Amino acid sequence: ADEPTSALDVTVQKAILDHLQRLRD
């Protein structure tokens, strides 16, 4: 994932990163 959240709002960034962590877990 190459800077997948750099242009996103903090709440949307958190949601995307939370989802990536769920995919990992």
PDB file of all heavy atoms in Angstrom:
ATOM      1  N   ALA A   1       0.848  -1.189   0.000  1.00  0.00           N
ATOM      2  CA  ALA A   1       0.000   0.000   0.000  1.00  0.00           C
ATOM      3  C   ALA A   1       0.882   1.238   0.000  1.00  0.00           C
ATOM      4  O   ALA A   1       1.596   1.499   0.971  1.00  0.00           O
ATOM      5  CB  ALA A   1      -0.915  -0.002   1.222  1.00  0.00           C
ATOM      6  N   ASP A   2       0.844   2.014  -1.096  1.00  0.00           N
ATOM      7  CA  ASP A   2       1.721   3.177  -1.272  1.00  0.00           C
ATOM      8  C   ASP A   2       0.961   4.448  -0.906  1.00  0.00           C
ATOM      9  O   ASP A   2       0.171   4.958  -1.695  1.00  0.00           O
ATOM     10  CB  ASP A   2       2.216   3.236  -2.712  1.00  0.00           C
ATOM     11  CG  ASP A   2       3.262   4.324  -2.925  1.00  0.00           C
ATOM     12  OD1 ASP A   2       3.710   4.924  -1.927  1.00  0.00           O
ATOM     13  OD2 ASP A   2       3.628   4.586  -4.081  1.00  0.00           O
ATOM     14  N   GLU A   3       1.184   4.969   0.299  1.00  0.00           N
ATOM     15  CA  GLU A   3       0.516   6.185   0.781  1.00  0.00           C
ATOM     16  C   GLU A   3      -1.000   6.103   0.568  1.00  0.00           C
ATOM     17  O   GLU A   3      -1.613   7.005  -0.019  1.00  0.00           O
ATOM     18  CB  GLU A   3       1.072   7.430   0.061  1.00  0.00           C
ATOM     19  CG  GLU A   3       2.549   7.682   0.276  1.00  0.00           C
ATOM     20  CD  GLU A   3       2.859   8.456   1.550  1.00  0.00           C
ATOM     21  OE1 GLU A   3       1.941   8.607   2.376  1.00  0.00           O
ATOM     22  OE2 GLU A   3       4.001   8.883   1.707  1.00  0.00           O
ATOM     23  N   PRO A   4      -1.657   5.040   1.049  1.00  0.00           N
ATOM     24  CA  PRO A   4      -3.078   4.855   0.719  1.00  0.00           C
ATOM     25  C   PRO A   4      -4.013   5.838   1.396  1.00  0.00           C
ATOM     26  O   PRO A   4      -5.183   5.927   1.021  1.00  0.00           O
ATOM     27  CB  PRO A   4      -3.352   3.426   1.209  1.00  0.00           C
ATOM     28  CG  PRO A   4      -2.398   3.241   2.349  1.00  0.00           C
ATOM     29  CD  PRO A   4      -1.156   3.977   1.931  1.00  0.00           C
ATOM     30  N   THR A   5      -3.533   6.583   2.400  1.00  0.00           N
ATOM     31  CA  THR A   5      -4.442   7.487   3.129  1.00  0.00           C
ATOM     32  C   THR A   5      -3.933   8.917   3.186  1.00  0.00           C
ATOM     33  O   THR A   5      -4.506   9.747   3.895  1.00  0.00           O
ATOM     34  CB  THR A   5      -4.640   6.995   4.578  1.00  0.00           C
ATOM     35  OG1 THR A   5      -3.382   7.025   5.272  1.00  0.00           O
ATOM     36  CG2 THR A   5      -5.196   5.586   4.612  1.00  0.00           C
ATOM     37  N   SER A   6      -2.882   9.253   2.437  1.00  0.00           N
ATOM     38  CA  SER A   6      -2.256  10.573   2.599  1.00  0.00           C
ATOM     39  C   SER A   6      -3.179  11.717   2.199  1.00  0.00           C
ATOM     40  O   SER A   6      -3.018  12.838   2.682  1.00  0.00           O
ATOM     41  CB  SER A   6      -0.958  10.650   1.795  1.00  0.00           C
ATOM     42  OG  SER A   6      -1.220  10.533   0.417  1.00  0.00           O
ATOM     43  N   ALA A   7      -4.138  11.476   1.308  1.00  0.00           N
ATOM     44  CA  ALA A   7      -5.019  12.557   0.854  1.00  0.00           C
ATOM     45  C   ALA A   7      -6.384  12.523   1.533  1.00  0.00           C
ATOM     46  O   ALA A   7      -7.285  13.257   1.144  1.00  0.00           O
ATOM     47  CB  ALA A   7      -5.208  12.470  -0.659  1.00  0.00           C
ATOM     48  N   LEU A   8      -6.533  11.701   2.572  1.00  0.00           N
ATOM     49  CA  LEU A   8      -7.838  11.495   3.187  1.00  0.00           C
ATOM     50  C   LEU A   8      -7.961  12.231   4.512  1.00  0.00           C
ATOM     51  O   LEU A   8      -6.977  12.493   5.196  1.00  0.00           O
ATOM     52  CB  LEU A   8      -8.084   9.996   3.406  1.00  0.00           C
ATOM     53  CG  LEU A   8      -8.021   9.108   2.158  1.00  0.00           C
ATOM     54  CD1 LEU A   8      -8.260   7.661   2.548  1.00  0.00           C
ATOM     55  CD2 LEU A   8      -9.045   9.554   1.119  1.00  0.00           C
ATOM     56  N   ASP A   9      -9.204  12.540   4.886  1.00  0.00           N
ATOM     57  CA  ASP A   9      -9.480  13.116   6.189  1.00  0.00           C
ATOM     58  C   ASP A   9      -9.098  12.134   7.291  1.00  0.00           C
ATOM     59  O   ASP A   9      -9.053  10.914   7.066  1.00  0.00           O
ATOM     60  CB  ASP A   9     -10.980  13.430   6.320  1.00  0.00           C
ATOM     61  CG  ASP A   9     -11.448  14.399   5.258  1.00  0.00           C
ATOM     62  OD1 ASP A   9     -10.688  15.323   4.945  1.00  0.00           O
ATOM     63  OD2 ASP A   9     -12.558  14.217   4.744  1.00  0.00           O
ATOM     64  N   VAL A  10      -8.887  12.655   8.505  1.00  0.00           N
ATOM     65  CA  VAL A  10      -8.396  11.790   9.576  1.00  0.00           C
ATOM     66  C   VAL A  10      -9.386  10.687   9.925  1.00  0.00           C
ATOM     67  O   VAL A  10      -8.984   9.554  10.225  1.00  0.00           O
ATOM     68  CB  VAL A  10      -8.042  12.600  10.836  1.00  0.00           C
ATOM     69  CG1 VAL A  10      -6.763  13.370  10.648  1.00  0.00           C
ATOM     70  CG2 VAL A  10      -9.181  13.541  11.241  1.00  0.00           C
ATOM     71  N   THR A  11     -10.688  10.979   9.881  1.00  0.00           N
ATOM     72  CA  THR A  11     -11.657   9.941  10.215  1.00  0.00           C
ATOM     73  C   THR A  11     -11.724   8.875   9.125  1.00  0.00           C
ATOM     74  O   THR A  11     -11.846   7.685   9.415  1.00  0.00           O
ATOM     75  CB  THR A  11     -13.053  10.552  10.431  1.00  0.00           C
ATOM     76  OG1 THR A  11     -13.368  11.396   9.322  1.00  0.00           O
ATOM     77  CG2 THR A  11     -13.099  11.361  11.704  1.00  0.00           C
ATOM     78  N   VAL A  12     -11.653   9.306   7.860  1.00  0.00           N
ATOM     79  CA  VAL A  12     -11.643   8.337   6.758  1.00  0.00           C
ATOM     80  C   VAL A  12     -10.334   7.550   6.777  1.00  0.00           C
ATOM     81  O   VAL A  12     -10.312   6.336   6.561  1.00  0.00           O
ATOM     82  CB  VAL A  12     -11.825   9.057   5.404  1.00  0.00           C
ATOM     83  CG1 VAL A  12     -11.825   8.055   4.262  1.00  0.00           C
ATOM     84  CG2 VAL A  12     -13.115   9.855   5.398  1.00  0.00           C
ATOM     85  N   GLN A  13      -9.218   8.251   7.052  1.00  0.00           N
ATOM     86  CA  GLN A  13      -7.929   7.573   7.180  1.00  0.00           C
ATOM     87  C   GLN A  13      -7.994   6.490   8.240  1.00  0.00           C
ATOM     88  O   GLN A  13      -7.529   5.357   8.027  1.00  0.00           O
ATOM     89  CB  GLN A  13      -6.857   8.592   7.553  1.00  0.00           C
ATOM     90  CG  GLN A  13      -5.507   7.986   7.914  1.00  0.00           C
ATOM     91  CD  GLN A  13      -4.505   9.046   8.324  1.00  0.00           C
ATOM     92  OE1 GLN A  13      -3.724   9.503   7.505  1.00  0.00           O
ATOM     93  NE2 GLN A  13      -4.524   9.433   9.580  1.00  0.00           N
ATOM     94  N   LYS A  14      -8.578   6.795   9.369  1.00  0.00           N
ATOM     95  CA  LYS A  14      -8.692   5.808  10.449  1.00  0.00           C
ATOM     96  C   LYS A  14      -9.518   4.618  10.006  1.00  0.00           C
ATOM     97  O   LYS A  14      -9.163   3.463  10.277  1.00  0.00           O
ATOM     98  CB  LYS A  14      -9.321   6.455  11.686  1.00  0.00           C
ATOM     99  CG  LYS A  14      -9.419   5.523  12.903  1.00  0.00           C
ATOM    100  CD  LYS A  14     -10.007   6.242  14.098  1.00  0.00           C
ATOM    101  CE  LYS A  14      -9.994   5.339  15.319  1.00  0.00           C
ATOM    102  NZ  LYS A  14     -10.818   4.117  15.142  1.00  0.00           N
ATOM    103  N   ALA A  15     -10.634   4.878   9.304  1.00  0.00           N
ATOM    104  CA  ALA A  15     -11.479   3.781   8.836  1.00  0.00           C
ATOM    105  C   ALA A  15     -10.732   2.873   7.860  1.00  0.00           C
ATOM    106  O   ALA A  15     -10.830   1.632   7.939  1.00  0.00           O
ATOM    107  CB  ALA A  15     -12.743   4.332   8.186  1.00  0.00           C
ATOM    108  N   ILE A  16      -9.965   3.461   6.935  1.00  0.00           N
ATOM    109  CA  ILE A  16      -9.204   2.661   5.961  1.00  0.00           C
ATOM    110  C   ILE A  16      -8.135   1.843   6.667  1.00  0.00           C
ATOM    111  O   ILE A  16      -7.968   0.639   6.407  1.00  0.00           O
ATOM    112  CB  ILE A  16      -8.558   3.577   4.900  1.00  0.00           C
ATOM    113  CG1 ILE A  16      -9.630   4.267   4.046  1.00  0.00           C
ATOM    114  CG2 ILE A  16      -7.593   2.780   4.016  1.00  0.00           C
ATOM    115  CD1 ILE A  16     -10.445   3.342   3.184  1.00  0.00           C
ATOM    116  N   LEU A  17      -7.404   2.465   7.587  1.00  0.00           N
ATOM    117  CA  LEU A  17      -6.340   1.743   8.293  1.00  0.00           C
ATOM    118  C   LEU A  17      -6.913   0.673   9.214  1.00  0.00           C
ATOM    119  O   LEU A  17      -6.328  -0.409   9.358  1.00  0.00           O
ATOM    120  CB  LEU A  17      -5.481   2.728   9.084  1.00  0.00           C
ATOM    121  CG  LEU A  17      -4.673   3.710   8.226  1.00  0.00           C
ATOM    122  CD1 LEU A  17      -4.003   4.762   9.107  1.00  0.00           C
ATOM    123  CD2 LEU A  17      -3.623   2.972   7.401  1.00  0.00           C
ATOM    124  N   ASP A  18      -8.056   0.978   9.841  1.00  0.00           N
ATOM    125  CA  ASP A  18      -8.728  -0.051  10.649  1.00  0.00           C
ATOM    126  C   ASP A  18      -9.078  -1.258   9.795  1.00  0.00           C
ATOM    127  O   ASP A  18      -8.926  -2.414  10.223  1.00  0.00           O
ATOM    128  CB  ASP A  18     -10.010   0.516  11.275  1.00  0.00           C
ATOM    129  CG  ASP A  18      -9.742   1.446  12.440  1.00  0.00           C
ATOM    130  OD1 ASP A  18      -8.597   1.473  12.934  1.00  0.00           O
ATOM    131  OD2 ASP A  18     -10.690   2.152  12.863  1.00  0.00           O
ATOM    132  N   HIS A  19      -9.538  -0.979   8.577  1.00  0.00           N
ATOM    133  CA  HIS A  19      -9.936  -2.088   7.701  1.00  0.00           C
ATOM    134  C   HIS A  19      -8.725  -2.907   7.258  1.00  0.00           C
ATOM    135  O   HIS A  19      -8.786  -4.140   7.214  1.00  0.00           O
ATOM    136  CB  HIS A  19     -10.687  -1.565   6.481  1.00  0.00           C
ATOM    137  CG  HIS A  19     -11.316  -2.653   5.676  1.00  0.00           C
ATOM    138  ND1 HIS A  19     -12.401  -3.375   6.126  1.00  0.00           N
ATOM    139  CD2 HIS A  19     -10.981  -3.194   4.484  1.00  0.00           C
ATOM    140  CE1 HIS A  19     -12.710  -4.304   5.235  1.00  0.00           C
ATOM    141  NE2 HIS A  19     -11.866  -4.201   4.227  1.00  0.00           N
ATOM    142  N   LEU A  20      -7.633  -2.249   6.916  1.00  0.00           N
ATOM    143  CA  LEU A  20      -6.421  -2.989   6.555  1.00  0.00           C
ATOM    144  C   LEU A  20      -5.959  -3.874   7.711  1.00  0.00           C
ATOM    145  O   LEU A  20      -5.519  -5.016   7.502  1.00  0.00           O
ATOM    146  CB  LEU A  20      -5.310  -2.017   6.158  1.00  0.00           C
ATOM    147  CG  LEU A  20      -5.473  -1.313   4.807  1.00  0.00           C
ATOM    148  CD1 LEU A  20      -4.359  -0.301   4.595  1.00  0.00           C
ATOM    149  CD2 LEU A  20      -5.489  -2.313   3.657  1.00  0.00           C
ATOM    150  N   GLN A  21      -6.085  -3.363   8.936  1.00  0.00           N
ATOM    151  CA  GLN A  21      -5.701  -4.180  10.084  1.00  0.00           C
ATOM    152  C   GLN A  21      -6.616  -5.383  10.251  1.00  0.00           C
ATOM    153  O   GLN A  21      -6.161  -6.471  10.619  1.00  0.00           O
ATOM    154  CB  GLN A  21      -5.697  -3.333  11.349  1.00  0.00           C
ATOM    155  CG  GLN A  21      -4.485  -2.409  11.448  1.00  0.00           C
ATOM    156  CD  GLN A  21      -4.300  -1.862  12.844  1.00  0.00           C
ATOM    157  OE1 GLN A  21      -5.189  -1.215  13.371  1.00  0.00           O
ATOM    158  NE2 GLN A  21      -3.141  -2.100  13.435  1.00  0.00           N
ATOM    159  N   ARG A  22      -7.908  -5.193   9.971  1.00  0.00           N
ATOM    160  CA  ARG A  22      -8.827  -6.337  10.049  1.00  0.00           C
ATOM    161  C   ARG A  22      -8.479  -7.391   9.002  1.00  0.00           C
ATOM    162  O   ARG A  22      -8.543  -8.602   9.278  1.00  0.00           O
ATOM    163  CB  ARG A  22     -10.275  -5.866   9.867  1.00  0.00           C
ATOM    164  CG  ARG A  22     -10.876  -5.244  11.113  1.00  0.00           C
ATOM    165  CD  ARG A  22     -12.386  -5.135  11.016  1.00  0.00           C
ATOM    166  NE  ARG A  22     -12.796  -4.223   9.963  1.00  0.00           N
ATOM    167  CZ  ARG A  22     -12.921  -2.908  10.130  1.00  0.00           C
ATOM    168  NH1 ARG A  22     -12.669  -2.365  11.305  1.00  0.00           N
ATOM    169  NH2 ARG A  22     -13.320  -2.147   9.132  1.00  0.00           N
ATOM    170  N   LEU A  23      -8.117  -6.959   7.790  1.00  0.00           N
ATOM    171  CA  LEU A  23      -7.705  -7.927   6.764  1.00  0.00           C
ATOM    172  C   LEU A  23      -6.487  -8.709   7.230  1.00  0.00           C
ATOM    173  O   LEU A  23      -6.382  -9.921   7.009  1.00  0.00           O
ATOM    174  CB  LEU A  23      -7.385  -7.190   5.458  1.00  0.00           C
ATOM    175  CG  LEU A  23      -8.563  -6.516   4.738  1.00  0.00           C
ATOM    176  CD1 LEU A  23      -8.052  -5.733   3.540  1.00  0.00           C
ATOM    177  CD2 LEU A  23      -9.592  -7.542   4.296  1.00  0.00           C
ATOM    178  N   ARG A  24      -5.567  -8.018   7.870  1.00  0.00           N
ATOM    179  CA  ARG A  24      -4.379  -8.692   8.397  1.00  0.00           C
ATOM    180  C   ARG A  24      -4.771  -9.687   9.484  1.00  0.00           C
ATOM    181  O   ARG A  24      -4.329 -10.846   9.482  1.00  0.00           O
ATOM    182  CB  ARG A  24      -3.410  -7.670   8.969  1.00  0.00           C
ATOM    183  CG  ARG A  24      -2.155  -8.270   9.569  1.00  0.00           C
ATOM    184  CD  ARG A  24      -1.390  -7.284  10.411  1.00  0.00           C
ATOM    185  NE  ARG A  24      -2.142  -6.917  11.610  1.00  0.00           N
ATOM    186  CZ  ARG A  24      -1.658  -6.169  12.589  1.00  0.00           C
ATOM    187  NH1 ARG A  24      -0.442  -5.673  12.497  1.00  0.00           N
ATOM    188  NH2 ARG A  24      -2.390  -5.887  13.641  1.00  0.00           N
ATOM    189  N   ASP A  25      -5.622  -9.261  10.417  1.00  0.00           N
ATOM    190  CA  ASP A  25      -5.965 -10.106  11.566  1.00  0.00           C
ATOM    191  C   ASP A  25      -6.848 -11.288  11.169  1.00  0.00           C
ATOM    192  O   ASP A  25      -6.659 -12.409  11.657  1.00  0.00           O
ATOM    193  CB  ASP A  25      -6.668  -9.268  12.638  1.00  0.00           C
ATOM    194  CG  ASP A  25      -5.779  -8.175  13.210  1.00  0.00           C
ATOM    195  OD1 ASP A  25      -4.540  -8.305  13.089  1.00  0.00           O
ATOM    196  OD2 ASP A  25      -6.309  -7.201  13.763  1.00  0.00           O
TER     197      ASP A  25
END
